[in-house]
Amino acid sequence: MNYQVKLNDGQVINMAGAEINVTELTTSLNDQRLSFVNFGGAIVNKHLIMSIVPTEEHSETQA
């Protein structure tokens, strides 16, 4: 699935074909001992994250 991570500094991280374990992500975001999370190789300060939303997957071929 494709996701868009919106940061509070105006930047956006687009993740194509990402597999996110919602339970593990929620646990990481709620863990007060952690300051950073890994999104597809990008290490992000979790306090910068505004939202993580699924985006439409576009196929190469259209009918």
N, C-alpha and C. Protein backbone atom coordinates (compact mmCIF):
# COMPACT_ATOMS: atom_id res chain seq x y z
N MET A 1 0.84 -1.18 0.00
CA MET A 1 0.00 0.00 0.00
C MET A 1 0.89 1.24 0.00
N ASN A 2 0.38 2.30 -0.52
CA ASN A 2 1.11 3.56 -0.55
C ASN A 2 0.62 4.46 0.59
N TYR A 3 1.56 5.14 1.23
CA TYR A 3 1.23 6.04 2.34
C TYR A 3 1.90 7.38 2.13
N GLN A 4 1.32 8.41 2.73
CA GLN A 4 1.92 9.73 2.76
C GLN A 4 2.05 10.13 4.22
N VAL A 5 3.28 10.43 4.63
CA VAL A 5 3.55 10.88 5.99
C VAL A 5 3.72 12.39 5.94
N LYS A 6 2.84 13.12 6.60
CA LYS A 6 2.92 14.58 6.62
C LYS A 6 3.60 15.02 7.90
N LEU A 7 4.60 15.88 7.75
CA LEU A 7 5.35 16.38 8.89
C LEU A 7 4.93 17.80 9.22
N ASN A 8 5.11 18.21 10.47
CA ASN A 8 4.65 19.55 10.87
C ASN A 8 5.56 20.67 10.37
N ASP A 9 6.64 20.32 9.65
CA ASP A 9 7.49 21.36 9.06
C ASP A 9 7.17 21.56 7.58
N GLY A 10 6.06 20.95 7.12
CA GLY A 10 5.62 21.12 5.74
C GLY A 10 6.13 20.06 4.78
N GLN A 11 7.06 19.24 5.21
CA GLN A 11 7.60 18.20 4.34
C GLN A 11 6.65 17.01 4.31
N VAL A 12 6.77 16.23 3.23
CA VAL A 12 5.96 15.04 3.06
C VAL A 12 6.87 13.89 2.66
N ILE A 13 6.66 12.73 3.25
CA ILE A 13 7.38 11.52 2.85
C ILE A 13 6.37 10.62 2.18
N ASN A 14 6.58 10.34 0.88
CA ASN A 14 5.71 9.43 0.14
C ASN A 14 6.33 8.04 0.16
N MET A 15 5.54 7.07 0.58
CA MET A 15 6.04 5.70 0.68
C MET A 15 5.21 4.81 -0.23
N ALA A 16 5.84 4.27 -1.27
CA ALA A 16 5.15 3.39 -2.22
C ALA A 16 5.40 1.94 -1.84
N GLY A 17 4.35 1.16 -1.84
CA GLY A 17 4.47 -0.26 -1.57
C GLY A 17 4.90 -0.59 -0.15
N ALA A 18 4.59 0.29 0.79
CA ALA A 18 5.02 0.09 2.18
C ALA A 18 4.09 -0.87 2.91
N GLU A 19 4.68 -1.63 3.80
CA GLU A 19 3.91 -2.49 4.69
C GLU A 19 4.09 -1.96 6.10
N ILE A 20 3.03 -1.42 6.66
CA ILE A 20 3.09 -0.85 7.99
C ILE A 20 2.32 -1.74 8.95
N ASN A 21 2.98 -2.16 10.01
CA ASN A 21 2.33 -2.90 11.08
C ASN A 21 1.77 -1.85 12.03
N VAL A 22 0.47 -1.66 11.98
CA VAL A 22 -0.17 -0.59 12.74
C VAL A 22 0.04 -0.76 14.24
N THR A 23 -0.01 -1.98 14.71
CA THR A 23 0.18 -2.23 16.14
C THR A 23 1.57 -1.82 16.59
N GLU A 24 2.59 -2.23 15.84
CA GLU A 24 3.97 -1.87 16.20
C GLU A 24 4.20 -0.37 16.08
N LEU A 25 3.67 0.25 15.02
CA LEU A 25 3.83 1.69 14.84
C LEU A 25 3.18 2.45 15.99
N THR A 26 1.98 2.06 16.35
CA THR A 26 1.27 2.72 17.45
C THR A 26 2.06 2.58 18.75
N THR A 27 2.59 1.39 18.99
CA THR A 27 3.39 1.16 20.20
C THR A 27 4.62 2.06 20.19
N SER A 28 5.30 2.17 19.05
CA SER A 28 6.49 3.02 18.95
C SER A 28 6.15 4.49 19.16
N LEU A 29 5.06 4.94 18.56
CA LEU A 29 4.68 6.34 18.68
C LEU A 29 4.26 6.69 20.11
N ASN A 30 3.69 5.73 20.83
CA ASN A 30 3.25 5.98 22.20
C ASN A 30 4.34 5.76 23.24
N ASP A 31 5.47 5.19 22.85
CA ASP A 31 6.56 4.91 23.79
C ASP A 31 7.33 6.20 24.08
N GLN A 32 7.23 6.66 25.31
CA GLN A 32 7.87 7.93 25.70
C GLN A 32 9.40 7.87 25.65
N ARG A 33 9.97 6.66 25.67
CA ARG A 33 11.43 6.51 25.63
C ARG A 33 12.00 6.69 24.23
N LEU A 34 11.15 6.57 23.21
CA LEU A 34 11.61 6.69 21.82
C LEU A 34 11.34 8.08 21.29
N SER A 35 12.31 8.61 20.55
CA SER A 35 12.15 9.92 19.93
C SER A 35 12.05 9.83 18.41
N PHE A 36 12.52 8.71 17.83
CA PHE A 36 12.57 8.57 16.38
C PHE A 36 11.91 7.28 15.93
N VAL A 37 11.36 7.30 14.71
CA VAL A 37 10.81 6.11 14.08
C VAL A 37 11.40 6.00 12.68
N ASN A 38 11.41 4.79 12.15
CA ASN A 38 11.97 4.53 10.82
C ASN A 38 10.83 4.32 9.84
N PHE A 39 10.77 5.16 8.82
CA PHE A 39 9.79 5.02 7.74
C PHE A 39 10.53 4.73 6.45
N GLY A 40 10.54 3.49 6.03
CA GLY A 40 11.17 3.12 4.77
C GLY A 40 12.60 3.59 4.64
N GLY A 41 13.35 3.54 5.71
CA GLY A 41 14.75 3.96 5.68
C GLY A 41 14.96 5.41 6.10
N ALA A 42 13.88 6.17 6.23
CA ALA A 42 14.00 7.56 6.69
C ALA A 42 13.78 7.57 8.20
N ILE A 43 14.75 8.05 8.94
CA ILE A 43 14.63 8.16 10.39
C ILE A 43 13.98 9.51 10.69
N VAL A 44 12.81 9.48 11.33
CA VAL A 44 12.02 10.69 11.54
C VAL A 44 11.76 10.90 13.03
N ASN A 45 11.94 12.13 13.48
CA ASN A 45 11.57 12.48 14.85
C ASN A 45 10.06 12.33 14.96
N LYS A 46 9.61 11.45 15.83
CA LYS A 46 8.17 11.15 15.89
C LYS A 46 7.33 12.36 16.30
N HIS A 47 7.93 13.36 16.89
CA HIS A 47 7.20 14.56 17.29
C HIS A 47 6.92 15.48 16.10
N LEU A 48 7.55 15.19 14.95
CA LEU A 48 7.31 15.97 13.73
C LEU A 48 6.13 15.43 12.93
N ILE A 49 5.69 14.21 13.21
CA ILE A 49 4.66 13.56 12.41
C ILE A 49 3.29 14.14 12.73
N MET A 50 2.62 14.64 11.70
CA MET A 50 1.26 15.14 11.84
C MET A 50 0.25 14.06 11.50
N SER A 51 0.51 13.33 10.39
CA SER A 51 -0.43 12.29 9.99
C SER A 51 0.24 11.28 9.08
N ILE A 52 -0.35 10.10 9.06
CA ILE A 52 0.06 9.04 8.14
C ILE A 52 -1.22 8.57 7.47
N VAL A 53 -1.32 8.82 6.16
CA VAL A 53 -2.56 8.48 5.46
C VAL A 53 -2.28 7.59 4.26
N PRO A 54 -3.16 6.62 4.02
CA PRO A 54 -3.01 5.81 2.82
C PRO A 54 -3.36 6.65 1.59
N THR A 55 -2.65 6.42 0.51
CA THR A 55 -2.94 7.12 -0.75
C THR A 55 -3.33 6.09 -1.80
N GLU A 56 -3.95 6.54 -2.86
CA GLU A 56 -4.37 5.65 -3.93
C GLU A 56 -3.17 5.06 -4.64
N GLU A 57 -3.30 3.80 -5.00
CA GLU A 57 -2.27 3.17 -5.80
C GLU A 57 -2.68 3.35 -7.26
N HIS A 58 -1.77 3.90 -8.06
CA HIS A 58 -2.05 4.10 -9.48
C HIS A 58 -1.34 3.02 -10.27
N SER A 59 -2.07 2.39 -11.16
CA SER A 59 -1.46 1.37 -11.99
C SER A 59 -0.91 1.98 -13.26
N GLU A 60 0.05 1.29 -13.86
CA GLU A 60 0.65 1.77 -15.10
C GLU A 60 -0.32 1.69 -16.27
N THR A 61 -1.21 0.69 -16.24
CA THR A 61 -2.15 0.52 -17.34
C THR A 61 -3.54 0.96 -16.89
N GLN A 62 -4.20 1.67 -17.75
CA GLN A 62 -5.56 2.11 -17.46
C GLN A 62 -6.48 1.63 -18.56
N ALA A 63 -7.70 1.24 -18.20
CA ALA A 63 -8.66 0.73 -19.19
C ALA A 63 -9.25 1.85 -19.99
